[in-house]
């Protein structure tokens, strides 16, 4: 794996590769019954906020994804999605208007855009500098601030 996202990518792809049906063993021990109030565990979703562009490209071009969608995804789609997330700051796949509906539905089912920080406020200056305040969950509501500055070469820091 190239990045932290690579482990998440491998985890999701391995679940997509597992056969849906497995033969039952000859003897099955009685399972303990969870309490009635216990919700079913959430299916694992790949957090696209945390992966690199190369990892997103690997995810979208994987044989498992091609099988699920019944066709390969063009390579340029990864960059479009990545730009929607990193530059456009979208909060849902529905906002990605130049991405085919079928792919947006797939992403909604198998991926998420929910980061671990809550965006509290954002201010964009005339020069394109973006100032944001985020709330840290579980830390007494503490805020952190960030500044994203554009440069003439099109990059941000």
N, C-alpha and C. Protein backbone atom coordinates (compact mmCIF):
# COMPACT_ATOMS: atom_id res chain seq x y z
N UNK A 1 0.83 -1.18 0.00
CA UNK A 1 0.00 0.00 0.00
C UNK A 1 0.87 1.24 0.00
N UNK A 2 0.45 2.23 -0.77
CA UNK A 2 1.21 3.46 -0.87
C UNK A 2 0.92 4.43 0.26
N UNK A 3 -0.28 4.35 0.85
CA UNK A 3 -0.65 5.35 1.83
C UNK A 3 -1.56 4.73 2.86
N UNK A 4 -1.94 5.57 3.84
CA UNK A 4 -2.88 5.14 4.86
C UNK A 4 -4.16 4.64 4.22
N UNK A 5 -4.60 5.30 3.15
CA UNK A 5 -5.82 4.90 2.46
C UNK A 5 -5.70 3.52 1.84
N UNK A 6 -4.48 3.08 1.54
CA UNK A 6 -4.28 1.79 0.91
C UNK A 6 -4.80 0.65 1.77
N UNK A 7 -4.64 0.73 3.10
CA UNK A 7 -5.16 -0.31 3.99
C UNK A 7 -6.68 -0.34 3.93
N UNK A 8 -7.30 0.81 3.93
CA UNK A 8 -8.76 0.89 3.83
C UNK A 8 -9.21 0.35 2.48
N UNK A 9 -8.48 0.70 1.45
CA UNK A 9 -8.80 0.24 0.09
C UNK A 9 -8.73 -1.28 0.04
N UNK A 10 -7.68 -1.86 0.56
CA UNK A 10 -7.52 -3.32 0.57
C UNK A 10 -8.65 -3.98 1.35
N UNK A 11 -9.02 -3.36 2.49
CA UNK A 11 -10.08 -3.92 3.32
C UNK A 11 -11.40 -3.96 2.56
N UNK A 12 -11.76 -2.87 1.90
CA UNK A 12 -13.02 -2.83 1.16
C UNK A 12 -12.99 -3.80 -0.01
N UNK A 13 -11.91 -3.79 -0.78
CA UNK A 13 -11.83 -4.67 -1.94
C UNK A 13 -11.87 -6.13 -1.53
N UNK A 14 -11.29 -6.47 -0.38
CA UNK A 14 -11.33 -7.86 0.05
C UNK A 14 -12.75 -8.27 0.42
N UNK A 15 -13.53 -7.35 0.99
CA UNK A 15 -14.92 -7.70 1.31
C UNK A 15 -15.74 -7.85 0.04
N UNK A 16 -15.40 -7.07 -1.00
CA UNK A 16 -16.13 -7.19 -2.26
C UNK A 16 -15.75 -8.47 -3.00
N UNK A 17 -14.58 -9.02 -2.69
CA UNK A 17 -14.11 -10.23 -3.37
C UNK A 17 -14.61 -11.50 -2.71
N UNK A 18 -15.05 -11.40 -1.45
CA UNK A 18 -15.47 -12.59 -0.73
C UNK A 18 -16.74 -13.15 -1.34
N UNK A 19 -16.83 -14.48 -1.45
CA UNK A 19 -18.06 -15.06 -1.99
C UNK A 19 -19.23 -14.73 -1.07
N UNK A 20 -20.39 -14.56 -1.66
CA UNK A 20 -21.58 -14.22 -0.90
C UNK A 20 -22.11 -15.39 -0.09
N UNK A 21 -21.95 -16.61 -0.60
CA UNK A 21 -22.43 -17.79 0.09
C UNK A 21 -21.27 -18.69 0.44
N UNK A 22 -21.27 -19.19 1.65
CA UNK A 22 -20.25 -20.15 2.06
C UNK A 22 -20.96 -21.41 2.53
N UNK A 23 -20.37 -22.57 2.27
CA UNK A 23 -21.02 -23.81 2.70
C UNK A 23 -21.11 -23.86 4.22
N UNK A 24 -22.22 -24.37 4.71
CA UNK A 24 -22.41 -24.49 6.15
C UNK A 24 -21.61 -25.68 6.66
N UNK A 25 -20.99 -25.57 7.82
CA UNK A 25 -20.28 -26.72 8.38
C UNK A 25 -21.28 -27.78 8.83
N UNK A 26 -20.79 -29.00 9.04
CA UNK A 26 -21.65 -30.11 9.43
C UNK A 26 -22.32 -29.83 10.78
N UNK A 27 -21.60 -29.18 11.69
CA UNK A 27 -22.16 -28.85 12.99
C UNK A 27 -21.99 -27.36 13.23
N UNK A 28 -23.06 -26.71 13.60
CA UNK A 28 -23.01 -25.29 13.89
C UNK A 28 -23.40 -25.09 15.34
N UNK A 29 -22.52 -24.52 16.12
CA UNK A 29 -22.82 -24.25 17.53
C UNK A 29 -23.88 -23.17 17.60
N UNK A 30 -24.76 -23.24 18.58
CA UNK A 30 -25.79 -22.20 18.70
C UNK A 30 -25.14 -20.84 18.90
N UNK A 31 -25.63 -19.87 18.16
CA UNK A 31 -25.09 -18.52 18.26
C UNK A 31 -25.77 -17.80 19.40
N UNK A 32 -25.01 -16.93 20.05
CA UNK A 32 -25.62 -16.13 21.10
C UNK A 32 -26.47 -15.06 20.43
N UNK A 33 -27.58 -14.77 21.01
CA UNK A 33 -28.50 -13.79 20.44
C UNK A 33 -28.16 -12.42 21.00
N UNK A 34 -27.92 -11.44 20.10
CA UNK A 34 -27.63 -10.10 20.61
C UNK A 34 -28.89 -9.51 21.22
N UNK A 35 -28.73 -8.57 22.16
CA UNK A 35 -29.89 -7.92 22.74
C UNK A 35 -30.76 -7.30 21.66
N UNK A 36 -32.05 -7.20 21.91
CA UNK A 36 -33.00 -6.71 20.92
C UNK A 36 -32.69 -5.29 20.46
N UNK A 37 -32.08 -4.49 21.30
CA UNK A 37 -31.79 -3.09 20.96
C UNK A 37 -30.51 -2.92 20.16
N UNK A 38 -29.76 -3.97 19.95
CA UNK A 38 -28.48 -3.88 19.27
C UNK A 38 -28.68 -3.65 17.78
N UNK A 39 -28.21 -2.50 17.25
CA UNK A 39 -28.37 -2.28 15.81
C UNK A 39 -27.39 -3.14 15.04
N UNK A 40 -27.77 -3.46 13.80
CA UNK A 40 -26.87 -4.22 12.93
C UNK A 40 -25.63 -3.38 12.66
N UNK A 41 -24.47 -4.02 12.56
CA UNK A 41 -23.27 -3.24 12.28
C UNK A 41 -23.36 -2.58 10.91
N UNK A 42 -22.83 -1.38 10.82
CA UNK A 42 -22.80 -0.66 9.55
C UNK A 42 -21.84 -1.36 8.59
N UNK A 43 -22.20 -1.48 7.32
CA UNK A 43 -21.25 -2.06 6.36
C UNK A 43 -20.05 -1.12 6.21
N UNK A 44 -18.90 -1.70 5.96
CA UNK A 44 -17.68 -0.89 5.82
C UNK A 44 -17.76 -0.06 4.54
N UNK A 45 -17.43 1.23 4.67
CA UNK A 45 -17.38 2.11 3.52
C UNK A 45 -16.00 2.77 3.48
N UNK A 46 -15.46 2.90 2.28
CA UNK A 46 -14.17 3.54 2.09
C UNK A 46 -14.33 5.05 2.22
N UNK A 47 -13.56 5.68 3.09
CA UNK A 47 -13.64 7.13 3.29
C UNK A 47 -12.78 7.81 2.24
N UNK A 48 -13.42 8.43 1.25
CA UNK A 48 -12.68 9.07 0.16
C UNK A 48 -12.00 10.35 0.60
N UNK A 49 -12.31 10.85 1.79
CA UNK A 49 -11.62 12.03 2.33
C UNK A 49 -10.19 11.69 2.74
N UNK A 50 -9.92 10.42 2.94
CA UNK A 50 -8.63 10.03 3.53
C UNK A 50 -7.69 9.34 2.57
N UNK A 51 -8.07 9.18 1.30
CA UNK A 51 -7.19 8.45 0.39
C UNK A 51 -6.59 9.38 -0.65
N UNK A 52 -5.48 8.94 -1.21
CA UNK A 52 -4.77 9.71 -2.23
C UNK A 52 -5.41 9.49 -3.60
N UNK A 53 -5.06 10.34 -4.55
CA UNK A 53 -5.55 10.17 -5.92
C UNK A 53 -5.12 8.81 -6.49
N UNK A 54 -3.87 8.38 -6.32
CA UNK A 54 -3.50 7.04 -6.84
C UNK A 54 -4.33 5.91 -6.22
N UNK A 55 -4.65 6.03 -4.91
CA UNK A 55 -5.49 5.00 -4.28
C UNK A 55 -6.91 5.03 -4.82
N UNK A 56 -7.44 6.22 -5.08
CA UNK A 56 -8.77 6.33 -5.67
C UNK A 56 -8.77 5.73 -7.08
N UNK A 57 -7.71 5.99 -7.84
CA UNK A 57 -7.60 5.40 -9.18
C UNK A 57 -7.55 3.88 -9.09
N UNK A 58 -6.79 3.34 -8.15
CA UNK A 58 -6.72 1.89 -7.96
C UNK A 58 -8.08 1.32 -7.59
N UNK A 59 -8.78 1.98 -6.69
CA UNK A 59 -10.11 1.54 -6.26
C UNK A 59 -11.06 1.47 -7.44
N UNK A 60 -11.14 2.55 -8.21
CA UNK A 60 -12.10 2.62 -9.31
C UNK A 60 -11.75 1.69 -10.47
N UNK A 61 -10.47 1.34 -10.60
CA UNK A 61 -10.07 0.46 -11.71
C UNK A 61 -9.95 -1.01 -11.30
N UNK A 62 -10.29 -1.32 -10.06
CA UNK A 62 -10.15 -2.70 -9.59
C UNK A 62 -11.15 -3.63 -10.29
N UNK A 63 -10.77 -4.88 -10.47
CA UNK A 63 -11.67 -5.85 -11.11
C UNK A 63 -12.99 -6.01 -10.36
N UNK A 64 -12.96 -5.89 -9.03
CA UNK A 64 -14.18 -6.03 -8.25
C UNK A 64 -15.19 -4.95 -8.61
N UNK A 65 -14.71 -3.71 -8.76
CA UNK A 65 -15.59 -2.59 -9.09
C UNK A 65 -16.12 -2.75 -10.51
N UNK A 66 -15.26 -3.15 -11.42
CA UNK A 66 -15.68 -3.38 -12.81
C UNK A 66 -16.77 -4.45 -12.86
N UNK A 67 -16.63 -5.49 -12.05
CA UNK A 67 -17.63 -6.55 -12.00
C UNK A 67 -18.96 -6.04 -11.45
N UNK A 68 -18.90 -5.28 -10.36
CA UNK A 68 -20.12 -4.76 -9.74
C UNK A 68 -20.87 -3.84 -10.71
N UNK A 69 -20.14 -2.97 -11.39
CA UNK A 69 -20.78 -2.01 -12.30
C UNK A 69 -20.99 -2.56 -13.71
N UNK A 70 -20.48 -3.75 -13.97
CA UNK A 70 -20.61 -4.41 -15.27
C UNK A 70 -19.89 -3.68 -16.40
N UNK A 71 -18.99 -2.78 -16.05
CA UNK A 71 -18.17 -2.09 -17.06
C UNK A 71 -17.04 -1.35 -16.35
N UNK A 72 -15.94 -1.12 -17.04
CA UNK A 72 -14.84 -0.38 -16.42
C UNK A 72 -15.19 1.11 -16.30
N UNK A 73 -14.59 1.74 -15.30
CA UNK A 73 -14.77 3.18 -15.11
C UNK A 73 -13.62 3.88 -15.82
N UNK A 74 -13.90 4.88 -16.67
CA UNK A 74 -12.81 5.60 -17.33
C UNK A 74 -11.86 6.21 -16.32
N UNK A 75 -10.57 6.21 -16.64
CA UNK A 75 -9.54 6.68 -15.71
C UNK A 75 -9.74 8.13 -15.27
N UNK A 76 -10.28 8.97 -16.15
CA UNK A 76 -10.43 10.39 -15.79
C UNK A 76 -11.45 10.61 -14.68
N UNK A 77 -12.33 9.64 -14.42
CA UNK A 77 -13.35 9.80 -13.38
C UNK A 77 -12.72 9.96 -12.00
N UNK A 78 -11.62 9.27 -11.74
CA UNK A 78 -10.97 9.38 -10.43
C UNK A 78 -10.54 10.81 -10.17
N UNK A 79 -9.95 11.46 -11.16
CA UNK A 79 -9.51 12.84 -10.98
C UNK A 79 -10.72 13.77 -10.80
N UNK A 80 -11.80 13.52 -11.53
CA UNK A 80 -13.01 14.34 -11.36
C UNK A 80 -13.53 14.21 -9.93
N UNK A 81 -13.63 12.99 -9.44
CA UNK A 81 -14.13 12.76 -8.09
C UNK A 81 -13.20 13.39 -7.07
N UNK A 82 -11.91 13.20 -7.25
CA UNK A 82 -10.91 13.75 -6.34
C UNK A 82 -11.02 15.28 -6.29
N UNK A 83 -11.19 15.91 -7.45
CA UNK A 83 -11.33 17.37 -7.50
C UNK A 83 -12.62 17.83 -6.81
N UNK A 84 -13.70 17.09 -6.97
CA UNK A 84 -14.93 17.44 -6.28
C UNK A 84 -14.71 17.43 -4.77
N UNK A 85 -13.95 16.47 -4.29
CA UNK A 85 -13.72 16.34 -2.85
C UNK A 85 -12.73 17.39 -2.36
N UNK A 86 -11.56 17.48 -3.01
CA UNK A 86 -10.48 18.34 -2.52
C UNK A 86 -10.64 19.81 -2.86
N UNK A 87 -11.17 20.10 -4.05
CA UNK A 87 -11.30 21.50 -4.48
C UNK A 87 -12.73 21.99 -4.27
N UNK A 88 -13.69 21.16 -4.68
CA UNK A 88 -15.09 21.56 -4.58
C UNK A 88 -15.66 21.47 -3.18
N UNK A 89 -15.06 20.65 -2.33
CA UNK A 89 -15.51 20.53 -0.95
C UNK A 89 -16.91 19.95 -0.81
N UNK A 90 -17.31 19.07 -1.73
CA UNK A 90 -18.66 18.52 -1.68
C UNK A 90 -18.87 17.70 -0.41
N UNK A 91 -20.11 17.65 0.03
CA UNK A 91 -20.48 16.88 1.21
C UNK A 91 -21.26 15.61 0.86
N UNK A 92 -21.65 15.48 -0.43
CA UNK A 92 -22.37 14.28 -0.85
C UNK A 92 -22.03 13.98 -2.31
N UNK A 93 -22.23 12.72 -2.68
CA UNK A 93 -21.96 12.32 -4.06
C UNK A 93 -22.97 12.93 -5.03
N UNK A 94 -24.16 13.27 -4.55
CA UNK A 94 -25.19 13.88 -5.39
C UNK A 94 -24.73 15.23 -5.95
N UNK A 95 -23.83 15.89 -5.26
CA UNK A 95 -23.31 17.19 -5.71
C UNK A 95 -22.34 17.07 -6.89
N UNK A 96 -21.88 15.88 -7.17
CA UNK A 96 -20.90 15.65 -8.24
C UNK A 96 -21.63 15.53 -9.58
N UNK A 97 -22.07 16.66 -10.11
CA UNK A 97 -22.99 16.68 -11.24
C UNK A 97 -22.41 16.17 -12.56
N UNK A 98 -21.09 16.10 -12.70
CA UNK A 98 -20.52 15.59 -13.95
C UNK A 98 -20.12 14.11 -13.83
N UNK A 99 -20.53 13.46 -12.76
CA UNK A 99 -20.28 12.03 -12.56
C UNK A 99 -21.58 11.29 -12.88
N UNK A 100 -21.52 10.21 -13.67
CA UNK A 100 -22.75 9.48 -14.02
C UNK A 100 -23.52 9.03 -12.78
N UNK A 101 -24.83 9.06 -12.87
CA UNK A 101 -25.70 8.71 -11.76
C UNK A 101 -25.40 7.31 -11.23
N UNK A 102 -25.17 6.35 -12.12
CA UNK A 102 -24.87 4.98 -11.70
C UNK A 102 -23.62 4.93 -10.81
N UNK A 103 -22.59 5.69 -11.17
CA UNK A 103 -21.37 5.72 -10.38
C UNK A 103 -21.61 6.44 -9.05
N UNK A 104 -22.39 7.50 -9.05
CA UNK A 104 -22.71 8.20 -7.79
C UNK A 104 -23.48 7.27 -6.85
N UNK A 105 -24.39 6.49 -7.38
CA UNK A 105 -25.13 5.53 -6.54
C UNK A 105 -24.19 4.48 -5.97
N UNK A 106 -23.28 3.99 -6.80
CA UNK A 106 -22.29 3.01 -6.33
C UNK A 106 -21.46 3.61 -5.20
N UNK A 107 -20.97 4.84 -5.40
CA UNK A 107 -20.14 5.49 -4.37
C UNK A 107 -20.93 5.69 -3.08
N UNK A 108 -22.19 6.03 -3.19
CA UNK A 108 -23.03 6.21 -2.01
C UNK A 108 -23.11 4.91 -1.21
N UNK A 109 -23.16 3.78 -1.90
CA UNK A 109 -23.27 2.50 -1.23
C UNK A 109 -21.96 2.01 -0.63
N UNK A 110 -20.83 2.24 -1.33
CA UNK A 110 -19.56 1.65 -0.92
C UNK A 110 -18.51 2.64 -0.39
N UNK A 111 -18.82 3.92 -0.42
CA UNK A 111 -17.84 4.92 0.03
C UNK A 111 -18.54 5.99 0.84
N UNK A 112 -17.75 6.82 1.49
CA UNK A 112 -18.30 7.92 2.28
C UNK A 112 -17.42 9.15 2.10
N UNK A 113 -18.00 10.30 2.36
CA UNK A 113 -17.27 11.56 2.34
C UNK A 113 -17.20 12.16 3.74
N UNK A 114 -17.64 11.41 4.72
CA UNK A 114 -17.70 11.91 6.08
C UNK A 114 -16.34 11.77 6.76
N UNK A 115 -15.74 12.89 7.04
CA UNK A 115 -14.48 12.89 7.76
C UNK A 115 -14.74 12.76 9.25
N UNK A 116 -13.69 12.79 10.00
CA UNK A 116 -13.84 12.68 11.45
C UNK A 116 -14.01 14.05 12.10
N UNK A 117 -13.78 15.10 11.35
CA UNK A 117 -13.94 16.46 11.86
C UNK A 117 -15.24 17.06 11.34
N UNK A 118 -15.86 17.88 12.15
CA UNK A 118 -17.08 18.57 11.73
C UNK A 118 -16.71 19.99 11.30
N UNK A 119 -17.04 20.35 10.06
CA UNK A 119 -16.79 21.70 9.58
C UNK A 119 -17.76 22.64 10.26
N UNK A 120 -17.23 23.64 10.99
CA UNK A 120 -18.07 24.58 11.73
C UNK A 120 -18.28 25.85 10.92
N UNK A 121 -17.22 26.38 10.33
CA UNK A 121 -17.36 27.57 9.49
C UNK A 121 -16.23 27.62 8.46
N UNK A 122 -16.50 28.38 7.40
CA UNK A 122 -15.54 28.53 6.31
C UNK A 122 -15.60 29.95 5.80
N UNK A 123 -14.43 30.53 5.52
CA UNK A 123 -14.35 31.88 4.98
C UNK A 123 -13.37 31.85 3.80
N UNK A 124 -13.83 32.32 2.65
CA UNK A 124 -12.99 32.34 1.45
C UNK A 124 -12.69 33.79 1.11
N UNK A 125 -11.40 34.13 1.02
CA UNK A 125 -11.01 35.51 0.71
C UNK A 125 -10.94 35.71 -0.80
N UNK A 126 -10.77 36.96 -1.21
CA UNK A 126 -10.72 37.29 -2.63
C UNK A 126 -9.58 36.59 -3.36
N UNK A 127 -8.47 36.35 -2.69
CA UNK A 127 -7.34 35.70 -3.35
C UNK A 127 -7.48 34.18 -3.39
N UNK A 128 -8.59 33.64 -2.86
CA UNK A 128 -8.83 32.21 -2.89
C UNK A 128 -8.40 31.47 -1.64
N UNK A 129 -7.81 32.18 -0.67
CA UNK A 129 -7.41 31.55 0.58
C UNK A 129 -8.67 31.08 1.31
N UNK A 130 -8.64 29.86 1.80
CA UNK A 130 -9.78 29.29 2.51
C UNK A 130 -9.40 29.08 3.97
N UNK A 131 -10.17 29.71 4.86
CA UNK A 131 -9.97 29.53 6.30
C UNK A 131 -11.15 28.73 6.82
N UNK A 132 -10.86 27.67 7.58
CA UNK A 132 -11.91 26.81 8.11
C UNK A 132 -11.69 26.56 9.59
N UNK A 133 -12.80 26.34 10.30
CA UNK A 133 -12.76 25.91 11.69
C UNK A 133 -13.48 24.57 11.76
N UNK A 134 -12.84 23.61 12.43
CA UNK A 134 -13.39 22.26 12.57
C UNK A 134 -13.56 21.93 14.05
N UNK A 135 -14.61 21.20 14.36
CA UNK A 135 -14.83 20.71 15.72
C UNK A 135 -14.26 19.29 15.80
N UNK A 136 -13.52 19.03 16.87
CA UNK A 136 -12.95 17.70 17.10
C UNK A 136 -13.96 16.89 17.90
N UNK A 137 -14.44 15.77 17.35
CA UNK A 137 -15.41 14.96 18.11
C UNK A 137 -14.75 14.33 19.33
N UNK A 138 -15.49 14.27 20.42
CA UNK A 138 -14.99 13.59 21.62
C UNK A 138 -13.93 14.36 22.38
N UNK A 139 -13.65 15.59 22.01
CA UNK A 139 -12.62 16.37 22.69
C UNK A 139 -13.22 17.60 23.37
N UNK A 140 -14.44 17.46 23.85
CA UNK A 140 -15.08 18.59 24.53
C UNK A 140 -15.47 19.71 23.58
N UNK A 141 -15.61 19.38 22.30
CA UNK A 141 -16.04 20.39 21.33
C UNK A 141 -14.96 21.38 20.95
N UNK A 142 -13.71 21.05 21.20
CA UNK A 142 -12.62 21.97 20.85
C UNK A 142 -12.58 22.20 19.36
N UNK A 143 -12.15 23.40 18.97
CA UNK A 143 -12.05 23.75 17.56
C UNK A 143 -10.59 23.82 17.13
N UNK A 144 -10.37 23.48 15.88
CA UNK A 144 -9.06 23.71 15.27
C UNK A 144 -9.29 24.55 14.02
N UNK A 145 -8.32 25.35 13.68
CA UNK A 145 -8.43 26.20 12.51
C UNK A 145 -7.42 25.74 11.46
N UNK A 146 -7.80 25.93 10.19
CA UNK A 146 -6.88 25.61 9.11
C UNK A 146 -6.96 26.69 8.06
N UNK A 147 -5.87 26.84 7.31
CA UNK A 147 -5.81 27.80 6.22
C UNK A 147 -5.27 27.08 4.99
N UNK A 148 -5.98 27.19 3.88
CA UNK A 148 -5.56 26.59 2.62
C UNK A 148 -5.29 27.72 1.66
N UNK A 149 -4.02 27.86 1.27
CA UNK A 149 -3.62 28.99 0.43
C UNK A 149 -3.30 28.54 -0.99
N UNK A 150 -3.91 29.20 -1.99
CA UNK A 150 -3.62 28.85 -3.39
C UNK A 150 -2.35 29.54 -3.87
N UNK A 151 -1.66 28.89 -4.78
CA UNK A 151 -0.48 29.49 -5.39
C UNK A 151 -0.69 29.62 -6.88
N UNK A 152 0.11 30.46 -7.52
CA UNK A 152 -0.05 30.74 -8.95
C UNK A 152 0.10 29.49 -9.82
N UNK A 153 0.83 28.49 -9.34
CA UNK A 153 1.01 27.26 -10.11
C UNK A 153 -0.18 26.31 -9.99
N UNK A 154 -1.27 26.73 -9.30
CA UNK A 154 -2.46 25.92 -9.16
C UNK A 154 -2.47 24.99 -7.98
N UNK A 155 -1.39 24.96 -7.21
CA UNK A 155 -1.31 24.09 -6.04
C UNK A 155 -1.76 24.84 -4.80
N UNK A 156 -2.10 24.09 -3.78
CA UNK A 156 -2.51 24.65 -2.49
C UNK A 156 -1.60 24.14 -1.38
N UNK A 157 -1.43 24.96 -0.35
CA UNK A 157 -0.76 24.51 0.88
C UNK A 157 -1.52 25.01 2.06
